Amino acid sequence: DTLVLAMGEFGRTPKIGTQGSTDGRDHWPHVMSMSLAGGKFRHGQVIGATSRDGGEIAHRPVTPGDIAATIYHHFGIAPDRTYPDHQGRPIRIVEHGEPIRELL
């Protein structure tokens, strides 16, 4: 029943000494890794791929919205559910995301 998600908020550049650094790897918003365990999902697979140097998405991007929708799916909450803002207007709990189909 427990879902474990290990990730950061960004990746690291594919090259050393970039963005003003002389020896390190700076923040890289294009590609990052994450790992999911449990949650009654189908595991034992790699979803998506990067370019050879890890610098760009080559196949099957997963967005932050997809991750949020997958977590809501685990809790039994439909990702298209809404809540009212302070003026009563409906706000979707997930913008631009669907549960990661390969895990379902």
PDB file of N, CA and C in Angstrom:
ATOM      1  N   ASP A   1       0.802  -1.209   0.000  1.00  0.00           N
ATOM      2  CA  ASP A   1       0.000   0.000   0.000  1.00  0.00           C
ATOM      3  C   ASP A   1       0.844   1.273   0.000  1.00  0.00           C
ATOM      4  N   THR A   2       2.104   1.176   0.416  1.00  0.00           N
ATOM      5  CA  THR A   2       2.958   2.357   0.549  1.00  0.00           C
ATOM      6  C   THR A   2       3.655   2.670  -0.761  1.00  0.00           C
ATOM      7  N   LEU A   3       3.609   3.927  -1.151  1.00  0.00           N
ATOM      8  CA  LEU A   3       4.333   4.400  -2.332  1.00  0.00           C
ATOM      9  C   LEU A   3       5.537   5.199  -1.865  1.00  0.00           C
ATOM     10  N   VAL A   4       6.714   4.830  -2.365  1.00  0.00           N
ATOM     11  CA  VAL A   4       7.946   5.550  -2.058  1.00  0.00           C
ATOM     12  C   VAL A   4       8.428   6.203  -3.347  1.00  0.00           C
ATOM     13  N   LEU A   5       8.677   7.497  -3.292  1.00  0.00           N
ATOM     14  CA  LEU A   5       9.143   8.259  -4.451  1.00  0.00           C
ATOM     15  C   LEU A   5      10.439   8.946  -4.057  1.00  0.00           C
ATOM     16  N   ALA A   6      11.514   8.658  -4.779  1.00  0.00           N
ATOM     17  CA  ALA A   6      12.811   9.286  -4.521  1.00  0.00           C
ATOM     18  C   ALA A   6      13.189  10.116  -5.737  1.00  0.00           C
ATOM     19  N   MET A   7      13.326  11.420  -5.508  1.00  0.00           N
ATOM     20  CA  MET A   7      13.675  12.325  -6.603  1.00  0.00           C
ATOM     21  C   MET A   7      14.151  13.649  -6.032  1.00  0.00           C
ATOM     22  N   GLY A   8      14.740  14.455  -6.873  1.00  0.00           N
ATOM     23  CA  GLY A   8      15.108  15.812  -6.511  1.00  0.00           C
ATOM     24  C   GLY A   8      14.280  16.769  -7.343  1.00  0.00           C
ATOM     25  N   GLU A   9      14.606  18.046  -7.244  1.00  0.00           N
ATOM     26  CA  GLU A   9      13.830  19.008  -8.021  1.00  0.00           C
ATOM     27  C   GLU A   9      14.515  19.403  -9.322  1.00  0.00           C
ATOM     28  N   PHE A  10      15.685  18.834  -9.601  1.00  0.00           N
ATOM     29  CA  PHE A  10      16.385  19.133 -10.845  1.00  0.00           C
ATOM     30  C   PHE A  10      17.425  18.057 -11.099  1.00  0.00           C
ATOM     31  N   GLY A  11      17.951  18.025 -12.327  1.00  0.00           N
ATOM     32  CA  GLY A  11      19.065  17.144 -12.654  1.00  0.00           C
ATOM     33  C   GLY A  11      20.370  17.915 -12.589  1.00  0.00           C
ATOM     34  N   ARG A  12      21.420  17.309 -13.071  1.00  0.00           N
ATOM     35  CA  ARG A  12      22.738  17.943 -13.147  1.00  0.00           C
ATOM     36  C   ARG A  12      23.170  18.007 -14.607  1.00  0.00           C
ATOM     37  N   THR A  13      23.916  19.055 -14.951  1.00  0.00           N
ATOM     38  CA  THR A  13      24.359  19.215 -16.327  1.00  0.00           C
ATOM     39  C   THR A  13      25.148  17.991 -16.780  1.00  0.00           C
ATOM     40  N   PRO A  14      25.096  17.668 -18.066  1.00  0.00           N
ATOM     41  CA  PRO A  14      25.833  16.506 -18.562  1.00  0.00           C
ATOM     42  C   PRO A  14      27.332  16.749 -18.699  1.00  0.00           C
ATOM     43  N   LYS A  15      27.770  17.981 -18.486  1.00  0.00           N
ATOM     44  CA  LYS A  15      29.194  18.312 -18.635  1.00  0.00           C
ATOM     45  C   LYS A  15      29.722  18.962 -17.365  1.00  0.00           C
ATOM     46  N   ILE A  16      30.970  18.696 -17.039  1.00  0.00           N
ATOM     47  CA  ILE A  16      31.619  19.306 -15.881  1.00  0.00           C
ATOM     48  C   ILE A  16      32.121  20.696 -16.250  1.00  0.00           C
ATOM     49  N   GLY A  17      32.050  21.617 -15.298  1.00  0.00           N
ATOM     50  CA  GLY A  17      32.583  22.960 -15.501  1.00  0.00           C
ATOM     51  C   GLY A  17      31.696  23.848 -16.341  1.00  0.00           C
ATOM     52  N   THR A  18      30.403  23.805 -16.133  1.00  0.00           N
ATOM     53  CA  THR A  18      29.480  24.633 -16.911  1.00  0.00           C
ATOM     54  C   THR A  18      28.803  25.655 -16.014  1.00  0.00           C
ATOM     55  N   GLN A  19      28.152  26.618 -16.608  1.00  0.00           N
ATOM     56  CA  GLN A  19      27.369  27.634 -15.909  1.00  0.00           C
ATOM     57  C   GLN A  19      28.196  28.331 -14.824  1.00  0.00           C
ATOM     58  N   GLY A  20      29.459  28.624 -15.114  1.00  0.00           N
ATOM     59  CA  GLY A  20      30.309  29.333 -14.183  1.00  0.00           C
ATOM     60  C   GLY A  20      31.052  28.451 -13.199  1.00  0.00           C
ATOM     61  N   SER A  21      30.816  27.162 -13.219  1.00  0.00           N
ATOM     62  CA  SER A  21      31.501  26.241 -12.314  1.00  0.00           C
ATOM     63  C   SER A  21      32.823  25.807 -12.946  1.00  0.00           C
ATOM     64  N   THR A  22      33.844  25.603 -12.137  1.00  0.00           N
ATOM     65  CA  THR A  22      35.118  25.141 -12.677  1.00  0.00           C
ATOM     66  C   THR A  22      35.273  23.629 -12.568  1.00  0.00           C
ATOM     67  N   ASP A  23      34.572  23.005 -11.639  1.00  0.00           N
ATOM     68  CA  ASP A  23      34.760  21.565 -11.471  1.00  0.00           C
ATOM     69  C   ASP A  23      33.473  20.786 -11.179  1.00  0.00           C
ATOM     70  N   GLY A  24      32.354  21.462 -11.002  1.00  0.00           N
ATOM     71  CA  GLY A  24      31.123  20.763 -10.633  1.00  0.00           C
ATOM     72  C   GLY A  24      30.106  20.730 -11.754  1.00  0.00           C
ATOM     73  N   ARG A  25      28.966  20.219 -11.437  1.00  0.00           N
ATOM     74  CA  ARG A  25      27.848  20.155 -12.370  1.00  0.00           C
ATOM     75  C   ARG A  25      26.712  20.992 -11.797  1.00  0.00           C
ATOM     76  N   ASP A  26      26.261  21.962 -12.556  1.00  0.00           N
ATOM     77  CA  ASP A  26      25.217  22.857 -12.077  1.00  0.00           C
ATOM     78  C   ASP A  26      23.824  22.279 -12.323  1.00  0.00           C
ATOM     79  N   HIS A  27      22.825  23.022 -11.870  1.00  0.00           N
ATOM     80  CA  HIS A  27      21.434  22.614 -12.049  1.00  0.00           C
ATOM     81  C   HIS A  27      21.130  22.440 -13.534  1.00  0.00           C
ATOM     82  N   TRP A  28      20.273  21.464 -13.835  1.00  0.00           N
ATOM     83  CA  TRP A  28      19.923  21.146 -15.219  1.00  0.00           C
ATOM     84  C   TRP A  28      18.429  20.847 -15.274  1.00  0.00           C
ATOM     85  N   PRO A  29      17.632  21.750 -15.821  1.00  0.00           N
ATOM     86  CA  PRO A  29      16.181  21.557 -15.788  1.00  0.00           C
ATOM     87  C   PRO A  29      15.643  20.603 -16.854  1.00  0.00           C
ATOM     88  N   HIS A  30      16.479  20.156 -17.763  1.00  0.00           N
ATOM     89  CA  HIS A  30      15.988  19.375 -18.900  1.00  0.00           C
ATOM     90  C   HIS A  30      15.766  17.899 -18.594  1.00  0.00           C
ATOM     91  N   VAL A  31      16.615  17.301 -17.773  1.00  0.00           N
ATOM     92  CA  VAL A  31      16.553  15.854 -17.519  1.00  0.00           C
ATOM     93  C   VAL A  31      16.893  15.588 -16.058  1.00  0.00           C
ATOM     94  N   MET A  32      16.181  14.638 -15.454  1.00  0.00           N
ATOM     95  CA  MET A  32      16.498  14.191 -14.102  1.00  0.00           C
ATOM     96  C   MET A  32      16.039  12.744 -13.945  1.00  0.00           C
ATOM     97  N   SER A  33      16.443  12.137 -12.874  1.00  0.00           N
ATOM     98  CA  SER A  33      16.058  10.754 -12.587  1.00  0.00           C
ATOM     99  C   SER A  33      15.155  10.715 -11.374  1.00  0.00           C
ATOM    100  N   MET A  34      14.352   9.686 -11.293  1.00  0.00           N
ATOM    101  CA  MET A  34      13.524   9.439 -10.116  1.00  0.00           C
ATOM    102  C   MET A  34      13.259   7.954 -10.010  1.00  0.00           C
ATOM    103  N   SER A  35      12.859   7.533  -8.849  1.00  0.00           N
ATOM    104  CA  SER A  35      12.584   6.119  -8.620  1.00  0.00           C
ATOM    105  C   SER A  35      11.309   5.992  -7.801  1.00  0.00           C
ATOM    106  N   LEU A  36      10.446   5.062  -8.210  1.00  0.00           N
ATOM    107  CA  LEU A  36       9.233   4.764  -7.469  1.00  0.00           C
ATOM    108  C   LEU A  36       9.287   3.313  -7.014  1.00  0.00           C
ATOM    109  N   ALA A  37       8.774   3.055  -5.827  1.00  0.00           N
ATOM    110  CA  ALA A  37       8.689   1.696  -5.305  1.00  0.00           C
ATOM    111  C   ALA A  37       7.356   1.533  -4.591  1.00  0.00           C
ATOM    112  N   GLY A  38       6.822   0.333  -4.615  1.00  0.00           N
ATOM    113  CA  GLY A  38       5.573   0.045  -3.911  1.00  0.00           C
ATOM    114  C   GLY A  38       4.376   0.648  -4.600  1.00  0.00           C
ATOM    115  N   GLY A  39       3.337   0.901  -3.819  1.00  0.00           N
ATOM    116  CA  GLY A  39       2.140   1.538  -4.338  1.00  0.00           C
ATOM    117  C   GLY A  39       1.311   0.660  -5.259  1.00  0.00           C
ATOM    118  N   LYS A  40       1.600  -0.633  -5.296  1.00  0.00           N
ATOM    119  CA  LYS A  40       0.886  -1.584  -6.160  1.00  0.00           C
ATOM    120  C   LYS A  40       0.983  -1.226  -7.645  1.00  0.00           C
ATOM    121  N   PHE A  41       2.089  -0.576  -8.012  1.00  0.00           N
ATOM    122  CA  PHE A  41       2.332  -0.265  -9.419  1.00  0.00           C
ATOM    123  C   PHE A  41       3.144  -1.386 -10.070  1.00  0.00           C
ATOM    124  N   ARG A  42       3.209  -1.364 -11.398  1.00  0.00           N
ATOM    125  CA  ARG A  42       4.041  -2.322 -12.142  1.00  0.00           C
ATOM    126  C   ARG A  42       5.462  -1.762 -12.204  1.00  0.00           C
ATOM    127  N   HIS A  43       6.367  -2.400 -11.480  1.00  0.00           N
ATOM    128  CA  HIS A  43       7.741  -1.915 -11.393  1.00  0.00           C
ATOM    129  C   HIS A  43       8.675  -2.774 -12.237  1.00  0.00           C
ATOM    130  N   GLY A  44       9.968  -2.565 -12.089  1.00  0.00           N
ATOM    131  CA  GLY A  44      10.968  -3.333 -12.824  1.00  0.00           C
ATOM    132  C   GLY A  44      11.130  -2.864 -14.258  1.00  0.00           C
ATOM    133  N   GLN A  45      10.992  -1.583 -14.488  1.00  0.00           N
ATOM    134  CA  GLN A  45      11.096  -1.052 -15.841  1.00  0.00           C
ATOM    135  C   GLN A  45      11.713   0.341 -15.807  1.00  0.00           C
ATOM    136  N   VAL A  46      12.280   0.722 -16.921  1.00  0.00           N
ATOM    137  CA  VAL A  46      12.777   2.077 -17.112  1.00  0.00           C
ATOM    138  C   VAL A  46      11.809   2.765 -18.056  1.00  0.00           C
ATOM    139  N   ILE A  47      11.366   3.940 -17.678  1.00  0.00           N
ATOM    140  CA  ILE A  47      10.413   4.697 -18.495  1.00  0.00           C
ATOM    141  C   ILE A  47      11.129   5.937 -19.001  1.00  0.00           C
ATOM    142  N   GLY A  48      11.259   6.048 -20.304  1.00  0.00           N
ATOM    143  CA  GLY A  48      11.928   7.194 -20.905  1.00  0.00           C
ATOM    144  C   GLY A  48      13.404   6.952 -21.132  1.00  0.00           C
ATOM    145  N   ALA A  49      13.999   7.847 -21.888  1.00  0.00           N
ATOM    146  CA  ALA A  49      15.422   7.745 -22.211  1.00  0.00           C
ATOM    147  C   ALA A  49      15.959   9.133 -22.506  1.00  0.00           C
ATOM    148  N   THR A  50      17.269   9.275 -22.327  1.00  0.00           N
ATOM    149  CA  THR A  50      17.934  10.540 -22.637  1.00  0.00           C
ATOM    150  C   THR A  50      18.858  10.362 -23.822  1.00  0.00           C
ATOM    151  N   SER A  51      19.373  11.487 -24.281  1.00  0.00           N
ATOM    152  CA  SER A  51      20.434  11.444 -25.277  1.00  0.00           C
ATOM    153  C   SER A  51      21.645  10.753 -24.653  1.00  0.00           C
ATOM    154  N   ARG A  52      22.595  10.388 -25.476  1.00  0.00           N
ATOM    155  CA  ARG A  52      23.765   9.633 -25.009  1.00  0.00           C
ATOM    156  C   ARG A  52      24.488  10.300 -23.834  1.00  0.00           C
ATOM    157  N   ASP A  53      24.574  11.644 -23.868  1.00  0.00           N
ATOM    158  CA  ASP A  53      25.265  12.344 -22.786  1.00  0.00           C
ATOM    159  C   ASP A  53      24.351  12.705 -21.618  1.00  0.00           C
ATOM    160  N   GLY A  54      23.078  12.325 -21.667  1.00  0.00           N
ATOM    161  CA  GLY A  54      22.149  12.627 -20.594  1.00  0.00           C
ATOM    162  C   GLY A  54      21.680  14.060 -20.578  1.00  0.00           C
ATOM    163  N   GLY A  55      21.882  14.758 -21.679  1.00  0.00           N
ATOM    164  CA  GLY A  55      21.571  16.180 -21.716  1.00  0.00           C
ATOM    165  C   GLY A  55      20.163  16.531 -22.135  1.00  0.00           C
ATOM    166  N   GLU A  56      19.518  15.689 -22.914  1.00  0.00           N
ATOM    167  CA  GLU A  56      18.183  15.995 -23.433  1.00  0.00           C
ATOM    168  C   GLU A  56      17.304  14.750 -23.392  1.00  0.00           C
ATOM    169  N   ILE A  57      16.003  14.948 -23.381  1.00  0.00           N
ATOM    170  CA  ILE A  57      15.054  13.840 -23.429  1.00  0.00           C
ATOM    171  C   ILE A  57      15.047  13.275 -24.842  1.00  0.00           C
ATOM    172  N   ALA A  58      15.227  11.977 -24.946  1.00  0.00           N
ATOM    173  CA  ALA A  58      15.223  11.323 -26.258  1.00  0.00           C
ATOM    174  C   ALA A  58      13.913  10.576 -26.511  1.00  0.00           C
ATOM    175  N   HIS A  59      13.282  10.080 -25.444  1.00  0.00           N
ATOM    176  CA  HIS A  59      12.081   9.263 -25.614  1.00  0.00           C
ATOM    177  C   HIS A  59      11.240   9.309 -24.339  1.00  0.00           C
ATOM    178  N   ARG A  60       9.962   9.409 -24.495  1.00  0.00           N
ATOM    179  CA  ARG A  60       8.947   9.295 -23.444  1.00  0.00           C
ATOM    180  C   ARG A  60       9.177  10.234 -22.258  1.00  0.00           C
ATOM    181  N   PRO A  61       8.982  11.542 -22.472  1.00  0.00           N
ATOM    182  CA  PRO A  61       9.106  12.467 -21.349  1.00  0.00           C
ATOM    183  C   PRO A  61       8.006  12.253 -20.313  1.00  0.00           C
ATOM    184  N   VAL A  62       8.332  12.482 -19.063  1.00  0.00           N
ATOM    185  CA  VAL A  62       7.380  12.460 -17.959  1.00  0.00           C
ATOM    186  C   VAL A  62       7.432  13.838 -17.318  1.00  0.00           C
ATOM    187  N   THR A  63       6.286  14.473 -17.169  1.00  0.00           N
ATOM    188  CA  THR A  63       6.230  15.837 -16.658  1.00  0.00           C
ATOM    189  C   THR A  63       5.929  15.853 -15.153  1.00  0.00           C
ATOM    190  N   PRO A  64       6.161  16.986 -14.496  1.00  0.00           N
ATOM    191  CA  PRO A  64       5.754  17.100 -13.092  1.00  0.00           C
ATOM    192  C   PRO A  64       4.256  16.831 -12.901  1.00  0.00           C
ATOM    193  N   GLY A  65       3.447  17.257 -13.858  1.00  0.00           N
ATOM    194  CA  GLY A  65       2.011  16.978 -13.791  1.00  0.00           C
ATOM    195  C   GLY A  65       1.723  15.489 -13.845  1.00  0.00           C
ATOM    196  N   ASP A  66       2.483  14.748 -14.647  1.00  0.00           N
ATOM    197  CA  ASP A  66       2.319  13.291 -14.721  1.00  0.00           C
ATOM    198  C   ASP A  66       2.662  12.639 -13.381  1.00  0.00           C
ATOM    199  N   ILE A  67       3.702  13.134 -12.730  1.00  0.00           N
ATOM    200  CA  ILE A  67       4.091  12.593 -11.427  1.00  0.00           C
ATOM    201  C   ILE A  67       2.988  12.872 -10.406  1.00  0.00           C
ATOM    202  N   ALA A  68       2.488  14.094 -10.380  1.00  0.00           N
ATOM    203  CA  ALA A  68       1.405  14.439  -9.451  1.00  0.00           C
ATOM    204  C   ALA A  68       0.169  13.592  -9.717  1.00  0.00           C
ATOM    205  N   ALA A  69      -0.207  13.428 -10.993  1.00  0.00           N
ATOM    206  CA  ALA A  69      -1.384  12.625 -11.333  1.00  0.00           C
ATOM    207  C   ALA A  69      -1.200  11.171 -10.906  1.00  0.00           C
ATOM    208  N   THR A  70       0.023  10.651 -11.009  1.00  0.00           N
ATOM    209  CA  THR A  70       0.307   9.274 -10.594  1.00  0.00           C
ATOM    210  C   THR A  70       0.158   9.123  -9.083  1.00  0.00           C
ATOM    211  N   ILE A  71       0.640  10.101  -8.344  1.00  0.00           N
ATOM    212  CA  ILE A  71       0.504  10.072  -6.882  1.00  0.00           C
ATOM    213  C   ILE A  71      -0.971  10.160  -6.490  1.00  0.00           C
ATOM    214  N   TYR A  72      -1.725  11.063  -7.095  1.00  0.00           N
ATOM    215  CA  TYR A  72      -3.161  11.149  -6.809  1.00  0.00           C
ATOM    216  C   TYR A  72      -3.863   9.841  -7.159  1.00  0.00           C
ATOM    217  N   HIS A  73      -3.503   9.233  -8.288  1.00  0.00           N
ATOM    218  CA  HIS A  73      -4.087   7.950  -8.676  1.00  0.00           C
ATOM    219  C   HIS A  73      -3.848   6.910  -7.578  1.00  0.00           C
ATOM    220  N   HIS A  74      -2.629   6.882  -7.029  1.00  0.00           N
ATOM    221  CA  HIS A  74      -2.302   5.944  -5.954  1.00  0.00           C
ATOM    222  C   HIS A  74      -3.233   6.127  -4.757  1.00  0.00           C
ATOM    223  N   PHE A  75      -3.579   7.378  -4.450  1.00  0.00           N
ATOM    224  CA  PHE A  75      -4.465   7.669  -3.320  1.00  0.00           C
ATOM    225  C   PHE A  75      -5.943   7.520  -3.668  1.00  0.00           C
ATOM    226  N   GLY A  76      -6.232   7.143  -4.918  1.00  0.00           N
ATOM    227  CA  GLY A  76      -7.620   6.972  -5.325  1.00  0.00           C
ATOM    228  C   GLY A  76      -8.327   8.276  -5.632  1.00  0.00           C
ATOM    229  N   ILE A  77      -7.560   9.322  -5.921  1.00  0.00           N
ATOM    230  CA  ILE A  77      -8.119  10.635  -6.239  1.00  0.00           C
ATOM    231  C   ILE A  77      -7.962  10.866  -7.738  1.00  0.00           C
ATOM    232  N   ALA A  78      -9.058  11.143  -8.403  1.00  0.00           N
ATOM    233  CA  ALA A  78      -9.014  11.389  -9.856  1.00  0.00           C
ATOM    234  C   ALA A  78      -8.212  12.651 -10.130  1.00  0.00           C
ATOM    235  N   PRO A  79      -7.222  12.584 -11.052  1.00  0.00           N
ATOM    236  CA  PRO A  79      -6.390  13.752 -11.325  1.00  0.00           C
ATOM    237  C   PRO A  79      -7.140  14.915 -11.973  1.00  0.00           C
ATOM    238  N   ASP A  80      -8.359  14.677 -12.451  1.00  0.00           N
ATOM    239  CA  ASP A  80      -9.137  15.788 -13.026  1.00  0.00           C
ATOM    240  C   ASP A  80     -10.067  16.421 -11.985  1.00  0.00           C
ATOM    241  N   ARG A  81      -9.920  16.016 -10.736  1.00  0.00           N
ATOM    242  CA  ARG A  81     -10.733  16.581  -9.651  1.00  0.00           C
ATOM    243  C   ARG A  81     -10.397  18.066  -9.471  1.00  0.00           C
ATOM    244  N   THR A  82     -11.369  18.806  -9.005  1.00  0.00           N
ATOM    245  CA  THR A  82     -11.176  20.236  -8.778  1.00  0.00           C
ATOM    246  C   THR A  82     -11.474  20.603  -7.324  1.00  0.00           C
ATOM    247  N   TYR A  83     -11.023  21.770  -6.939  1.00  0.00           N
ATOM    248  CA  TYR A  83     -11.391  22.355  -5.656  1.00  0.00           C
ATOM    249  C   TYR A  83     -11.729  23.823  -5.920  1.00  0.00           C
ATOM    250  N   PRO A  84     -12.569  24.421  -5.102  1.00  0.00           N
ATOM    251  CA  PRO A  84     -12.934  25.822  -5.352  1.00  0.00           C
ATOM    252  C   PRO A  84     -11.884  26.789  -4.818  1.00  0.00           C
ATOM    253  N   ASP A  85     -11.600  27.830  -5.605  1.00  0.00           N
ATOM    254  CA  ASP A  85     -10.713  28.884  -5.101  1.00  0.00           C
ATOM    255  C   ASP A  85     -11.529  29.814  -4.197  1.00  0.00           C
ATOM    256  N   HIS A  86     -10.938  30.897  -3.740  1.00  0.00           N
ATOM    257  CA  HIS A  86     -11.610  31.776  -2.791  1.00  0.00           C
ATOM    258  C   HIS A  86     -12.850  32.472  -3.372  1.00  0.00           C
ATOM    259  N   GLN A  87     -13.002  32.437  -4.692  1.00  0.00           N
ATOM    260  CA  GLN A  87     -14.197  33.003  -5.319  1.00  0.00           C
ATOM    261  C   GLN A  87     -15.156  31.920  -5.806  1.00  0.00           C
ATOM    262  N   GLY A  88     -14.856  30.653  -5.443  1.00  0.00           N
ATOM    263  CA  GLY A  88     -15.738  29.561  -5.813  1.00  0.00           C
ATOM    264  C   GLY A  88     -15.485  28.970  -7.186  1.00  0.00           C
ATOM    265  N   ARG A  89     -14.454  29.447  -7.885  1.00  0.00           N
ATOM    266  CA  ARG A  89     -14.141  28.914  -9.216  1.00  0.00           C
ATOM    267  C   ARG A  89     -13.407  27.583  -9.080  1.00  0.00           C
ATOM    268  N   PRO A  90     -13.701  26.621  -9.950  1.00  0.00           N
ATOM    269  CA  PRO A  90     -13.023  25.323  -9.845  1.00  0.00           C
ATOM    270  C   PRO A  90     -11.577  25.396 -10.340  1.00  0.00           C
ATOM    271  N   ILE A  91     -10.666  24.842  -9.558  1.00  0.00           N
ATOM    272  CA  ILE A  91      -9.251  24.757  -9.909  1.00  0.00           C
ATOM    273  C   ILE A  91      -8.888  23.278  -9.950  1.00  0.00           C
ATOM    274  N   ARG A  92      -8.307  22.839 -11.062  1.00  0.00           N
ATOM    275  CA  ARG A  92      -7.888  21.432 -11.173  1.00  0.00           C
ATOM    276  C   ARG A  92      -6.720  21.158 -10.240  1.00  0.00           C
ATOM    277  N   ILE A  93      -6.712  19.973  -9.626  1.00  0.00           N
ATOM    278  CA  ILE A  93      -5.603  19.634  -8.728  1.00  0.00           C
ATOM    279  C   ILE A  93      -4.345  19.295  -9.512  1.00  0.00           C
ATOM    280  N   VAL A  94      -4.490  18.898 -10.771  1.00  0.00           N
ATOM    281  CA  VAL A  94      -3.340  18.613 -11.635  1.00  0.00           C
ATOM    282  C   VAL A  94      -3.536  19.341 -12.954  1.00  0.00           C
ATOM    283  N   GLU A  95      -2.572  20.163 -13.297  1.00  0.00           N
ATOM    284  CA  GLU A  95      -2.588  20.842 -14.592  1.00  0.00           C
ATOM    285  C   GLU A  95      -1.643  20.105 -15.536  1.00  0.00           C
ATOM    286  N   HIS A  96      -2.109  19.748 -16.692  1.00  0.00           N
ATOM    287  CA  HIS A  96      -1.267  19.168 -17.743  1.00  0.00           C
ATOM    288  C   HIS A  96      -0.549  17.896 -17.294  1.00  0.00           C
ATOM    289  N   GLY A  97      -1.292  16.933 -16.795  1.00  0.00           N
ATOM    290  CA  GLY A  97      -0.667  15.684 -16.399  1.00  0.00           C
ATOM    291  C   GLY A  97      -1.658  14.533 -16.390  1.00  0.00           C
ATOM    292  N   GLU A  98      -1.136  13.357 -16.659  1.00  0.00           N
ATOM    293  CA  GLU A  98      -1.899  12.114 -16.622  1.00  0.00           C
ATOM    294  C   GLU A  98      -1.089  11.088 -15.842  1.00  0.00           C
ATOM    295  N   PRO A  99      -1.745  10.122 -15.178  1.00  0.00           N
ATOM    296  CA  PRO A  99      -0.980   9.074 -14.506  1.00  0.00           C
ATOM    297  C   PRO A  99      -0.030   8.374 -15.494  1.00  0.00           C
ATOM    298  N   ILE A 100       1.136   8.000 -15.024  1.00  0.00           N
ATOM    299  CA  ILE A 100       2.137   7.336 -15.866  1.00  0.00           C
ATOM    300  C   ILE A 100       1.596   5.956 -16.241  1.00  0.00           C
ATOM    301  N   ARG A 101       1.163   5.821 -17.490  1.00  0.00           N
ATOM    302  CA  ARG A 101       0.436   4.629 -17.943  1.00  0.00           C
ATOM    303  C   ARG A 101       1.223   3.333 -17.792  1.00  0.00           C
ATOM    304  N   GLU A 102       2.531   3.393 -17.935  1.00  0.00           N
ATOM    305  CA  GLU A 102       3.348   2.198 -17.843  1.00  0.00           C
ATOM    306  C   GLU A 102       3.324   1.590 -16.432  1.00  0.00           C
ATOM    307  N   LEU A 103       2.982   2.389 -15.439  1.00  0.00           N
ATOM    308  CA  LEU A 103       2.949   1.905 -14.060  1.00  0.00           C
ATOM    309  C   LEU A 103       1.616   1.313 -13.650  1.00  0.00           C
ATOM    310  N   LEU A 104       0.557   1.646 -14.399  1.00  0.00           N
ATOM    311  CA  LEU A 104      -0.792   1.219 -14.018  1.00  0.00           C
ATOM    312  C   LEU A 104      -1.085  -0.208 -14.396  1.00  0.00           C
TER     313      LEU A 104
END
